[in-house]
Amino acid sequence: MPPFLRGLTLGLSLIVAIGPQNAFVLRQGLTRRHALLAALACSLCDTGLTALGVLGVGALLARSPVLVTLGTLMGAAFLLWYGWRSFQAARQPGPLQTEGQVAQTTGTVIATAAAFSLLNPHALLDTVVLIGGASAGLDERARLAFLGGAVAASWLWFFALALLAGRLAPLMRSARAWRVLDVLIGGVMWSIAVGLVLGLGRR
């Protein structure tokens, strides 16, 4: 798989999972209150964290063949676990909850989006550690393409939520839809994990 598509599919697989960022952007979209600003703030935060992971963690790991192997194996192990968790979630899916207070002012929207993005341990783990580790085995040019794909995933997803909130809301509340989505996410996670391990054998 080309690095850009690998980054895109991994980014989408991670970001589509139920989380506070998605609920926040979707709430703003449903109420038509600064939805695009919410999407922009979340996308910018994710871009910074992803760049830190790929150009920081990934580049650091790439300096040592041993660290590349270790980082790749750890990333593959995490993806296998993440995929297994998605398959387990598909057995008892939970729809995305959109109820709650809606941010009213531009300042509140930006602050809330930043908090959901930068103070969320799962978001930090996904963007900095997992995506950074998954890029460790790539050369500099391929790493940049991988980064572009991962960043594009955030922008595509958050703005899709903001712009299509009205149409997506019934689907996002459907347990059956989340069951299908969880199975797809699990399959993508496992396929990327296998690709990472096979890539080590070709180095």
N, C-alpha and C. Protein backbone atom coordinates (compact mmCIF):
# COMPACT_ATOMS: atom_id res chain seq x y z
N MET A 1 0.85 -1.19 0.00
CA MET A 1 0.00 0.00 0.00
C MET A 1 0.89 1.25 0.00
N PRO A 2 0.63 2.23 -0.88
CA PRO A 2 1.42 3.46 -0.90
C PRO A 2 1.36 4.16 0.46
N PRO A 3 2.45 4.84 0.85
CA PRO A 3 2.49 5.48 2.17
C PRO A 3 1.33 6.43 2.43
N PHE A 4 0.93 7.22 1.42
CA PHE A 4 -0.17 8.16 1.63
C PHE A 4 -1.45 7.41 1.98
N LEU A 5 -1.76 6.35 1.24
CA LEU A 5 -2.98 5.59 1.51
C LEU A 5 -2.88 4.86 2.83
N ARG A 6 -1.67 4.39 3.18
CA ARG A 6 -1.51 3.74 4.48
C ARG A 6 -1.80 4.72 5.61
N GLY A 7 -1.26 5.93 5.49
CA GLY A 7 -1.52 6.94 6.51
C GLY A 7 -2.99 7.33 6.55
N LEU A 8 -3.62 7.44 5.38
CA LEU A 8 -5.03 7.81 5.30
C LEU A 8 -5.91 6.76 5.96
N THR A 9 -5.69 5.49 5.61
CA THR A 9 -6.54 4.43 6.16
C THR A 9 -6.31 4.25 7.66
N LEU A 10 -5.06 4.34 8.09
CA LEU A 10 -4.79 4.24 9.52
C LEU A 10 -5.41 5.42 10.27
N GLY A 11 -5.25 6.62 9.72
CA GLY A 11 -5.83 7.80 10.36
C GLY A 11 -7.33 7.72 10.47
N LEU A 12 -7.99 7.30 9.39
CA LEU A 12 -9.45 7.18 9.43
C LEU A 12 -9.89 6.09 10.40
N SER A 13 -9.17 4.98 10.42
CA SER A 13 -9.54 3.89 11.32
C SER A 13 -9.47 4.32 12.77
N LEU A 14 -8.50 5.16 13.10
CA LEU A 14 -8.36 5.63 14.47
C LEU A 14 -9.37 6.71 14.82
N ILE A 15 -9.60 7.63 13.88
CA ILE A 15 -10.40 8.81 14.21
C ILE A 15 -11.90 8.54 14.18
N VAL A 16 -12.32 7.53 13.41
CA VAL A 16 -13.76 7.25 13.32
C VAL A 16 -14.30 6.64 14.60
N ALA A 17 -13.43 6.03 15.40
CA ALA A 17 -13.88 5.43 16.65
C ALA A 17 -14.58 6.46 17.53
N ILE A 18 -15.57 6.00 18.28
CA ILE A 18 -16.34 6.90 19.14
C ILE A 18 -15.40 7.62 20.11
N GLY A 19 -15.55 8.93 20.20
CA GLY A 19 -14.69 9.69 21.09
C GLY A 19 -15.25 11.08 21.32
N PRO A 20 -14.68 11.81 22.27
CA PRO A 20 -15.20 13.14 22.61
C PRO A 20 -15.07 14.15 21.47
N GLN A 21 -14.02 14.05 20.66
CA GLN A 21 -13.89 14.98 19.54
C GLN A 21 -15.06 14.83 18.57
N ASN A 22 -15.37 13.58 18.21
CA ASN A 22 -16.47 13.34 17.28
C ASN A 22 -17.80 13.84 17.85
N ALA A 23 -18.05 13.53 19.11
CA ALA A 23 -19.30 13.96 19.73
C ALA A 23 -19.40 15.49 19.75
N PHE A 24 -18.29 16.15 20.05
CA PHE A 24 -18.29 17.61 20.12
C PHE A 24 -18.57 18.24 18.76
N VAL A 25 -17.86 17.80 17.72
CA VAL A 25 -18.06 18.35 16.38
C VAL A 25 -19.47 18.06 15.90
N LEU A 26 -19.95 16.86 16.17
CA LEU A 26 -21.30 16.49 15.72
C LEU A 26 -22.36 17.33 16.44
N ARG A 27 -22.18 17.57 17.73
CA ARG A 27 -23.12 18.42 18.46
C ARG A 27 -23.18 19.82 17.87
N GLN A 28 -22.00 20.37 17.59
CA GLN A 28 -21.98 21.71 17.00
C GLN A 28 -22.65 21.72 15.63
N GLY A 29 -22.46 20.66 14.87
CA GLY A 29 -23.09 20.58 13.55
C GLY A 29 -24.59 20.44 13.63
N LEU A 30 -25.07 19.67 14.58
CA LEU A 30 -26.51 19.47 14.72
C LEU A 30 -27.21 20.77 15.11
N THR A 31 -26.55 21.58 15.92
CA THR A 31 -27.15 22.85 16.35
C THR A 31 -26.74 24.02 15.46
N ARG A 32 -25.89 23.73 14.46
CA ARG A 32 -25.42 24.77 13.52
C ARG A 32 -24.79 25.96 14.25
N ARG A 33 -23.98 25.66 15.25
CA ARG A 33 -23.28 26.69 16.01
C ARG A 33 -21.77 26.48 15.88
N HIS A 34 -21.14 27.25 15.02
CA HIS A 34 -19.68 27.22 14.84
C HIS A 34 -19.18 25.81 14.52
N ALA A 35 -19.93 25.06 13.72
CA ALA A 35 -19.54 23.68 13.42
C ALA A 35 -18.22 23.63 12.65
N LEU A 36 -18.07 24.51 11.67
CA LEU A 36 -16.83 24.52 10.88
C LEU A 36 -15.64 24.95 11.73
N LEU A 37 -15.86 25.88 12.65
CA LEU A 37 -14.79 26.29 13.54
C LEU A 37 -14.37 25.12 14.44
N ALA A 38 -15.33 24.36 14.93
CA ALA A 38 -15.02 23.20 15.74
C ALA A 38 -14.22 22.18 14.95
N ALA A 39 -14.63 21.94 13.70
CA ALA A 39 -13.90 21.01 12.84
C ALA A 39 -12.48 21.51 12.57
N LEU A 40 -12.35 22.81 12.33
CA LEU A 40 -11.04 23.40 12.06
C LEU A 40 -10.12 23.26 13.27
N ALA A 41 -10.64 23.56 14.46
CA ALA A 41 -9.82 23.49 15.67
C ALA A 41 -9.36 22.06 15.94
N CYS A 42 -10.27 21.10 15.81
CA CYS A 42 -9.90 19.70 16.04
C CYS A 42 -8.90 19.22 14.99
N SER A 43 -9.09 19.64 13.74
CA SER A 43 -8.18 19.23 12.67
C SER A 43 -6.79 19.79 12.87
N LEU A 44 -6.71 21.06 13.28
CA LEU A 44 -5.40 21.68 13.51
C LEU A 44 -4.67 21.01 14.68
N CYS A 45 -5.40 20.70 15.74
CA CYS A 45 -4.78 20.03 16.88
C CYS A 45 -4.26 18.65 16.46
N ASP A 46 -5.07 17.90 15.73
CA ASP A 46 -4.65 16.58 15.28
C ASP A 46 -3.46 16.67 14.33
N THR A 47 -3.44 17.71 13.48
CA THR A 47 -2.32 17.89 12.56
C THR A 47 -1.02 18.09 13.32
N GLY A 48 -1.06 18.93 14.35
CA GLY A 48 0.14 19.16 15.15
C GLY A 48 0.61 17.91 15.86
N LEU A 49 -0.32 17.17 16.46
CA LEU A 49 0.04 15.96 17.17
C LEU A 49 0.56 14.89 16.22
N THR A 50 -0.07 14.76 15.06
CA THR A 50 0.37 13.76 14.08
C THR A 50 1.75 14.09 13.54
N ALA A 51 1.99 15.38 13.26
CA ALA A 51 3.31 15.79 12.79
C ALA A 51 4.37 15.51 13.85
N LEU A 52 4.03 15.75 15.10
CA LEU A 52 4.96 15.44 16.19
C LEU A 52 5.27 13.96 16.23
N GLY A 53 4.24 13.14 16.00
CA GLY A 53 4.46 11.70 16.01
C GLY A 53 5.31 11.23 14.85
N VAL A 54 4.98 11.66 13.63
CA VAL A 54 5.68 11.17 12.44
C VAL A 54 7.07 11.79 12.31
N LEU A 55 7.17 13.10 12.46
CA LEU A 55 8.45 13.78 12.28
C LEU A 55 9.31 13.76 13.54
N GLY A 56 8.69 13.51 14.69
CA GLY A 56 9.43 13.44 15.93
C GLY A 56 9.71 12.02 16.35
N VAL A 57 8.67 11.32 16.81
CA VAL A 57 8.83 9.95 17.26
C VAL A 57 9.28 9.04 16.13
N GLY A 58 8.59 9.15 14.97
CA GLY A 58 8.94 8.30 13.84
C GLY A 58 10.35 8.53 13.34
N ALA A 59 10.73 9.81 13.23
CA ALA A 59 12.08 10.13 12.76
C ALA A 59 13.14 9.66 13.76
N LEU A 60 12.85 9.79 15.04
CA LEU A 60 13.79 9.34 16.07
C LEU A 60 13.99 7.83 16.01
N LEU A 61 12.90 7.11 15.87
CA LEU A 61 13.00 5.65 15.78
C LEU A 61 13.76 5.22 14.54
N ALA A 62 13.57 5.98 13.43
CA ALA A 62 14.18 5.59 12.16
C ALA A 62 15.70 5.68 12.17
N ARG A 63 16.28 6.34 13.15
CA ARG A 63 17.74 6.49 13.20
C ARG A 63 18.44 5.20 13.60
N SER A 64 17.71 4.29 14.18
CA SER A 64 18.30 3.04 14.65
C SER A 64 17.51 1.86 14.11
N PRO A 65 18.17 0.93 13.40
CA PRO A 65 17.46 -0.26 12.91
C PRO A 65 16.78 -1.05 14.04
N VAL A 66 17.44 -1.08 15.18
CA VAL A 66 16.85 -1.81 16.31
C VAL A 66 15.57 -1.12 16.78
N LEU A 67 15.62 0.22 16.87
CA LEU A 67 14.44 0.96 17.29
C LEU A 67 13.33 0.87 16.24
N VAL A 68 13.71 0.85 14.96
CA VAL A 68 12.71 0.68 13.90
C VAL A 68 11.97 -0.64 14.09
N THR A 69 12.74 -1.71 14.30
CA THR A 69 12.12 -3.02 14.49
C THR A 69 11.25 -3.05 15.73
N LEU A 70 11.78 -2.51 16.82
CA LEU A 70 11.03 -2.49 18.07
C LEU A 70 9.76 -1.64 17.95
N GLY A 71 9.90 -0.44 17.38
CA GLY A 71 8.74 0.43 17.22
C GLY A 71 7.69 -0.16 16.30
N THR A 72 8.16 -0.81 15.21
CA THR A 72 7.22 -1.42 14.28
C THR A 72 6.48 -2.58 14.93
N LEU A 73 7.20 -3.42 15.67
CA LEU A 73 6.55 -4.55 16.34
C LEU A 73 5.57 -4.07 17.40
N MET A 74 5.96 -3.03 18.14
CA MET A 74 5.05 -2.49 19.15
C MET A 74 3.81 -1.89 18.49
N GLY A 75 4.03 -1.19 17.37
CA GLY A 75 2.89 -0.63 16.65
C GLY A 75 1.98 -1.70 16.12
N ALA A 76 2.56 -2.77 15.57
CA ALA A 76 1.76 -3.87 15.05
C ALA A 76 0.98 -4.55 16.18
N ALA A 77 1.65 -4.73 17.34
CA ALA A 77 0.97 -5.35 18.48
C ALA A 77 -0.20 -4.49 18.94
N PHE A 78 0.02 -3.17 18.98
CA PHE A 78 -1.06 -2.28 19.40
C PHE A 78 -2.22 -2.33 18.40
N LEU A 79 -1.89 -2.38 17.11
CA LEU A 79 -2.93 -2.45 16.09
C LEU A 79 -3.73 -3.74 16.21
N LEU A 80 -3.04 -4.83 16.49
CA LEU A 80 -3.75 -6.09 16.68
C LEU A 80 -4.70 -6.00 17.87
N TRP A 81 -4.21 -5.40 18.96
CA TRP A 81 -5.07 -5.23 20.13
C TRP A 81 -6.22 -4.28 19.84
N TYR A 82 -5.94 -3.18 19.13
CA TYR A 82 -6.97 -2.21 18.79
C TYR A 82 -8.02 -2.86 17.89
N GLY A 83 -7.55 -3.67 16.92
CA GLY A 83 -8.50 -4.37 16.05
C GLY A 83 -9.35 -5.35 16.82
N TRP A 84 -8.72 -6.09 17.76
CA TRP A 84 -9.47 -7.03 18.58
C TRP A 84 -10.53 -6.30 19.39
N ARG A 85 -10.16 -5.13 19.93
CA ARG A 85 -11.12 -4.34 20.71
C ARG A 85 -12.28 -3.88 19.83
N SER A 86 -12.00 -3.56 18.58
CA SER A 86 -13.07 -3.16 17.66
C SER A 86 -14.02 -4.32 17.38
N PHE A 87 -13.45 -5.52 17.20
CA PHE A 87 -14.30 -6.69 16.99
C PHE A 87 -15.15 -6.97 18.22
N GLN A 88 -14.57 -6.79 19.41
CA GLN A 88 -15.34 -6.98 20.63
C GLN A 88 -16.44 -5.93 20.76
N ALA A 89 -16.11 -4.68 20.37
CA ALA A 89 -17.12 -3.62 20.43
C ALA A 89 -18.26 -3.89 19.48
N ALA A 90 -17.98 -4.58 18.37
CA ALA A 90 -19.03 -4.89 17.39
C ALA A 90 -20.07 -5.84 17.98
N ARG A 91 -19.68 -6.60 19.00
CA ARG A 91 -20.63 -7.52 19.63
C ARG A 91 -21.65 -6.77 20.47
N GLN A 92 -21.24 -5.65 21.05
CA GLN A 92 -22.15 -4.83 21.85
C GLN A 92 -21.92 -3.36 21.49
N PRO A 93 -22.37 -2.97 20.30
CA PRO A 93 -22.09 -1.61 19.84
C PRO A 93 -22.85 -0.57 20.64
N GLY A 94 -22.22 0.59 20.78
CA GLY A 94 -22.86 1.71 21.47
C GLY A 94 -22.90 2.91 20.55
N PRO A 95 -24.06 3.48 20.30
CA PRO A 95 -24.14 4.64 19.41
C PRO A 95 -23.48 5.87 20.00
N LEU A 96 -23.07 6.76 19.15
CA LEU A 96 -22.42 7.99 19.58
C LEU A 96 -23.44 8.89 20.26
N GLN A 97 -23.14 9.32 21.48
CA GLN A 97 -24.03 10.19 22.23
C GLN A 97 -23.73 11.64 21.89
N THR A 98 -24.75 12.37 21.45
CA THR A 98 -24.56 13.76 21.05
C THR A 98 -25.21 14.74 22.00
N GLU A 99 -25.83 14.22 23.07
CA GLU A 99 -26.46 15.12 24.01
C GLU A 99 -25.40 15.83 24.84
N GLY A 100 -25.75 16.99 25.35
CA GLY A 100 -24.81 17.72 26.18
C GLY A 100 -24.82 19.19 25.83
N GLN A 101 -24.04 19.95 26.59
CA GLN A 101 -23.98 21.39 26.37
C GLN A 101 -23.24 21.70 25.08
N VAL A 102 -23.77 22.64 24.33
CA VAL A 102 -23.17 23.05 23.07
C VAL A 102 -22.40 24.35 23.29
N ALA A 103 -21.16 24.38 22.80
CA ALA A 103 -20.36 25.59 22.94
C ALA A 103 -20.98 26.72 22.15
N GLN A 104 -21.09 27.92 22.75
CA GLN A 104 -21.82 29.02 22.13
C GLN A 104 -20.92 30.04 21.45
N THR A 105 -19.78 30.35 22.04
CA THR A 105 -18.93 31.40 21.49
C THR A 105 -17.73 30.80 20.78
N THR A 106 -17.08 31.62 19.95
CA THR A 106 -15.92 31.12 19.21
C THR A 106 -14.79 30.72 20.16
N GLY A 107 -14.60 31.51 21.21
CA GLY A 107 -13.56 31.18 22.18
C GLY A 107 -13.82 29.87 22.88
N THR A 108 -15.08 29.64 23.24
CA THR A 108 -15.45 28.40 23.92
C THR A 108 -15.27 27.21 23.00
N VAL A 109 -15.63 27.39 21.74
CA VAL A 109 -15.48 26.31 20.75
C VAL A 109 -14.01 25.91 20.63
N ILE A 110 -13.15 26.91 20.47
CA ILE A 110 -11.72 26.63 20.30
C ILE A 110 -11.14 25.98 21.55
N ALA A 111 -11.48 26.50 22.72
CA ALA A 111 -10.96 25.96 23.97
C ALA A 111 -11.44 24.53 24.19
N THR A 112 -12.71 24.28 23.90
CA THR A 112 -13.25 22.94 24.10
C THR A 112 -12.62 21.94 23.14
N ALA A 113 -12.48 22.35 21.87
CA ALA A 113 -11.86 21.47 20.88
C ALA A 113 -10.42 21.16 21.27
N ALA A 114 -9.70 22.17 21.74
CA ALA A 114 -8.31 21.96 22.15
C ALA A 114 -8.22 21.01 23.34
N ALA A 115 -9.15 21.15 24.28
CA ALA A 115 -9.15 20.27 25.45
C ALA A 115 -9.43 18.83 25.05
N PHE A 116 -10.44 18.63 24.19
CA PHE A 116 -10.76 17.28 23.74
C PHE A 116 -9.62 16.66 22.95
N SER A 117 -8.84 17.48 22.26
CA SER A 117 -7.76 16.97 21.41
C SER A 117 -6.46 16.78 22.17
N LEU A 118 -6.07 17.77 22.96
CA LEU A 118 -4.75 17.78 23.58
C LEU A 118 -4.71 17.15 24.95
N LEU A 119 -5.87 17.06 25.62
CA LEU A 119 -5.92 16.48 26.97
C LEU A 119 -6.53 15.09 26.98
N ASN A 120 -6.70 14.52 25.80
CA ASN A 120 -7.30 13.20 25.67
C ASN A 120 -6.19 12.16 25.52
N PRO A 121 -5.95 11.31 26.51
CA PRO A 121 -4.85 10.34 26.41
C PRO A 121 -4.94 9.44 25.19
N HIS A 122 -6.16 9.07 24.81
CA HIS A 122 -6.31 8.19 23.65
C HIS A 122 -5.89 8.91 22.37
N ALA A 123 -6.24 10.19 22.26
CA ALA A 123 -5.84 10.96 21.08
C ALA A 123 -4.33 11.11 21.01
N LEU A 124 -3.71 11.36 22.16
CA LEU A 124 -2.25 11.48 22.20
C LEU A 124 -1.59 10.15 21.83
N LEU A 125 -2.12 9.06 22.33
CA LEU A 125 -1.56 7.75 22.03
C LEU A 125 -1.70 7.43 20.54
N ASP A 126 -2.89 7.72 19.99
CA ASP A 126 -3.13 7.41 18.59
C ASP A 126 -2.22 8.22 17.67
N THR A 127 -2.17 9.54 17.89
CA THR A 127 -1.47 10.42 16.95
C THR A 127 0.04 10.38 17.14
N VAL A 128 0.50 10.54 18.37
CA VAL A 128 1.94 10.67 18.61
C VAL A 128 2.63 9.31 18.61
N VAL A 129 2.09 8.37 19.38
CA VAL A 129 2.78 7.09 19.57
C VAL A 129 2.49 6.11 18.44
N LEU A 130 1.21 5.83 18.19
CA LEU A 130 0.86 4.80 17.22
C LEU A 130 1.21 5.22 15.80
N ILE A 131 0.73 6.38 15.38
CA ILE A 131 1.01 6.83 14.01
C ILE A 131 2.50 7.11 13.84
N GLY A 132 3.13 7.68 14.87
CA GLY A 132 4.56 7.91 14.79
C GLY A 132 5.33 6.61 14.66
N GLY A 133 4.97 5.61 15.45
CA GLY A 133 5.64 4.32 15.37
C GLY A 133 5.40 3.62 14.05
N ALA A 134 4.19 3.76 13.49
CA ALA A 134 3.88 3.11 12.22
C ALA A 134 4.68 3.69 11.06
N SER A 135 5.18 4.91 11.22
CA SER A 135 5.95 5.54 10.15
C SER A 135 7.45 5.32 10.29
N ALA A 136 7.87 4.65 11.35
CA ALA A 136 9.30 4.53 11.65
C ALA A 136 10.07 3.80 10.56
N GLY A 137 9.46 2.82 9.92
CA GLY A 137 10.16 2.03 8.92
C GLY A 137 10.22 2.67 7.54
N LEU A 138 9.71 3.88 7.39
CA LEU A 138 9.67 4.55 6.09
C LEU A 138 10.86 5.49 5.93
N ASP A 139 11.28 5.70 4.67
CA ASP A 139 12.31 6.71 4.45
C ASP A 139 11.68 8.09 4.54
N GLU A 140 12.50 9.13 4.44
CA GLU A 140 12.01 10.49 4.69
C GLU A 140 10.87 10.89 3.76
N ARG A 141 11.02 10.59 2.47
CA ARG A 141 9.98 10.97 1.50
C ARG A 141 8.69 10.21 1.76
N ALA A 142 8.80 8.92 2.00
CA ALA A 142 7.61 8.11 2.26
C ALA A 142 6.95 8.53 3.58
N ARG A 143 7.78 8.94 4.56
CA ARG A 143 7.23 9.37 5.85
C ARG A 143 6.39 10.62 5.68
N LEU A 144 6.85 11.54 4.82
CA LEU A 144 6.07 12.75 4.56
C LEU A 144 4.74 12.43 3.88
N ALA A 145 4.78 11.47 2.95
CA ALA A 145 3.54 11.05 2.29
C ALA A 145 2.59 10.40 3.28
N PHE A 146 3.15 9.58 4.17
CA PHE A 146 2.36 8.94 5.22
C PHE A 146 1.73 10.00 6.12
N LEU A 147 2.51 11.01 6.48
CA LEU A 147 2.00 12.12 7.29
C LEU A 147 0.86 12.83 6.58
N GLY A 148 1.04 13.08 5.28
CA GLY A 148 -0.03 13.74 4.51
C GLY A 148 -1.32 12.94 4.53
N GLY A 149 -1.23 11.63 4.41
CA GLY A 149 -2.43 10.80 4.45
C GLY A 149 -3.10 10.81 5.81
N ALA A 150 -2.29 10.73 6.88
CA ALA A 150 -2.85 10.72 8.23
C ALA A 150 -3.52 12.06 8.55
N VAL A 151 -2.88 13.17 8.13
CA VAL A 151 -3.45 14.50 8.36
C VAL A 151 -4.73 14.67 7.55
N ALA A 152 -4.73 14.20 6.30
CA ALA A 152 -5.92 14.31 5.45
C ALA A 152 -7.10 13.59 6.08
N ALA A 153 -6.83 12.48 6.76
CA ALA A 153 -7.92 11.73 7.40
C ALA A 153 -8.64 12.58 8.43
N SER A 154 -7.88 13.32 9.25
CA SER A 154 -8.50 14.17 10.26
C SER A 154 -9.37 15.25 9.63
N TRP A 155 -8.82 15.93 8.64
CA TRP A 155 -9.56 17.02 8.00
C TRP A 155 -10.80 16.51 7.29
N LEU A 156 -10.68 15.41 6.58
CA LEU A 156 -11.84 14.86 5.88
C LEU A 156 -12.94 14.45 6.86
N TRP A 157 -12.55 13.78 7.93
CA TRP A 157 -13.55 13.27 8.87
C TRP A 157 -14.25 14.38 9.64
N PHE A 158 -13.47 15.28 10.22
CA PHE A 158 -14.09 16.32 11.05
C PHE A 158 -14.98 17.25 10.23
N PHE A 159 -14.54 17.62 9.03
CA PHE A 159 -15.37 18.51 8.22
C PHE A 159 -16.58 17.77 7.66
N ALA A 160 -16.45 16.47 7.42
CA ALA A 160 -17.62 15.69 7.01
C ALA A 160 -18.65 15.67 8.13
N LEU A 161 -18.18 15.50 9.37
CA LEU A 161 -19.11 15.54 10.50
C LEU A 161 -19.80 16.89 10.61
N ALA A 162 -19.02 17.97 10.47
CA ALA A 162 -19.58 19.31 10.62
C ALA A 162 -20.58 19.63 9.52
N LEU A 163 -20.25 19.27 8.29
CA LEU A 163 -21.08 19.65 7.14
C LEU A 163 -22.28 18.72 6.96
N LEU A 164 -22.13 17.47 7.35
CA LEU A 164 -23.19 16.49 7.11
C LEU A 164 -23.84 16.00 8.40
N ALA A 165 -23.72 16.80 9.45
CA ALA A 165 -24.22 16.37 10.76
C ALA A 165 -25.69 15.98 10.72
N GLY A 166 -26.51 16.76 10.04
CA GLY A 166 -27.94 16.48 9.99
C GLY A 166 -28.24 15.12 9.37
N ARG A 167 -27.51 14.78 8.32
CA ARG A 167 -27.74 13.49 7.66
C ARG A 167 -27.06 12.34 8.38
N LEU A 168 -25.93 12.62 9.02
CA LEU A 168 -25.18 11.56 9.69
C LEU A 168 -25.76 11.20 11.05
N ALA A 169 -26.46 12.14 11.68
CA ALA A 169 -26.92 11.92 13.05
C ALA A 169 -27.74 10.64 13.22
N PRO A 170 -28.76 10.37 12.37
CA PRO A 170 -29.50 9.12 12.55
C PRO A 170 -28.62 7.89 12.41
N LEU A 171 -27.67 7.93 11.47
CA LEU A 171 -26.77 6.79 11.29
C LEU A 171 -25.86 6.62 12.48
N MET A 172 -25.35 7.74 13.01
CA MET A 172 -24.42 7.66 14.13
C MET A 172 -25.10 7.15 15.40
N ARG A 173 -26.42 7.28 15.46
CA ARG A 173 -27.15 6.80 16.62
C ARG A 173 -27.60 5.35 16.47
N SER A 174 -27.29 4.75 15.32
CA SER A 174 -27.71 3.38 15.05
C SER A 174 -26.67 2.39 15.54
N ALA A 175 -27.09 1.47 16.40
CA ALA A 175 -26.17 0.45 16.91
C ALA A 175 -25.71 -0.46 15.78
N ARG A 176 -26.59 -0.76 14.83
CA ARG A 176 -26.22 -1.63 13.72
C ARG A 176 -25.13 -0.99 12.87
N ALA A 177 -25.23 0.31 12.63
CA ALA A 177 -24.21 0.99 11.83
C ALA A 177 -22.86 0.94 12.53
N TRP A 178 -22.86 1.12 13.86
CA TRP A 178 -21.60 1.06 14.58
C TRP A 178 -21.02 -0.35 14.60
N ARG A 179 -21.90 -1.37 14.56
CA ARG A 179 -21.41 -2.75 14.51
C ARG A 179 -20.64 -2.98 13.21
N VAL A 180 -21.21 -2.55 12.10
CA VAL A 180 -20.54 -2.69 10.80
C VAL A 180 -19.23 -1.89 10.79
N LEU A 181 -19.31 -0.67 11.32
CA LEU A 181 -18.13 0.19 11.33
C LEU A 181 -17.01 -0.41 12.18
N ASP A 182 -17.36 -0.96 13.33
CA ASP A 182 -16.35 -1.56 14.20
C ASP A 182 -15.67 -2.75 13.52
N VAL A 183 -16.45 -3.55 12.81
CA VAL A 183 -15.87 -4.70 12.10
C VAL A 183 -14.92 -4.22 11.01
N LEU A 184 -15.31 -3.19 10.27
CA LEU A 184 -14.44 -2.65 9.23
C LEU A 184 -13.15 -2.09 9.83
N ILE A 185 -13.29 -1.36 10.94
CA ILE A 185 -12.11 -0.80 11.59
C ILE A 185 -11.18 -1.91 12.06
N GLY A 186 -11.74 -2.95 12.67
CA GLY A 186 -10.92 -4.06 13.12
C GLY A 186 -10.17 -4.73 11.98
N GLY A 187 -10.86 -4.90 10.85
CA GLY A 187 -10.21 -5.51 9.69
C GLY A 187 -9.07 -4.66 9.15
N VAL A 188 -9.30 -3.36 9.09
CA VAL A 188 -8.25 -2.45 8.60
C VAL A 188 -7.05 -2.47 9.55
N MET A 189 -7.31 -2.44 10.85
CA MET A 189 -6.24 -2.45 11.84
C MET A 189 -5.38 -3.71 11.68
N TRP A 190 -6.01 -4.85 11.57
CA TRP A 190 -5.26 -6.10 11.45
C TRP A 190 -4.49 -6.16 10.14
N SER A 191 -5.07 -5.66 9.05
CA SER A 191 -4.37 -5.70 7.77
C SER A 191 -3.14 -4.79 7.80
N ILE A 192 -3.25 -3.62 8.45
CA ILE A 192 -2.10 -2.73 8.56
C ILE A 192 -1.03 -3.36 9.44
N ALA A 193 -1.43 -4.03 10.53
CA ALA A 193 -0.48 -4.69 11.41
C ALA A 193 0.31 -5.76 10.65
N VAL A 194 -0.39 -6.55 9.86
CA VAL A 194 0.27 -7.58 9.06
C VAL A 194 1.24 -6.93 8.06
N GLY A 195 0.81 -5.82 7.44
CA GLY A 195 1.67 -5.12 6.50
C GLY A 195 2.93 -4.60 7.15
N LEU A 196 2.82 -4.11 8.38
CA LEU A 196 4.00 -3.61 9.10
C LEU A 196 5.00 -4.73 9.36
N VAL A 197 4.50 -5.89 9.80
CA VAL A 197 5.39 -7.01 10.10
C VAL A 197 6.03 -7.54 8.81
N LEU A 198 5.25 -7.66 7.75
CA LEU A 198 5.81 -8.12 6.47
C LEU A 198 6.84 -7.15 5.94
N GLY A 199 6.62 -5.86 6.20
CA GLY A 199 7.57 -4.85 5.75
C GLY A 199 8.93 -5.02 6.42
N LEU A 200 8.94 -5.48 7.67
CA LEU A 200 10.21 -5.73 8.36
C LEU A 200 11.01 -6.81 7.65
N GLY A 201 10.32 -7.82 7.13
CA GLY A 201 11.01 -8.90 6.46
C GLY A 201 11.64 -8.50 5.15
N ARG A 202 11.15 -7.38 4.59
CA ARG A 202 11.69 -6.91 3.30
C ARG A 202 12.79 -5.90 3.48
N ARG A 203 13.07 -5.51 4.71
CA ARG A 203 14.10 -4.50 4.95
C ARG A 203 15.50 -5.12 4.87
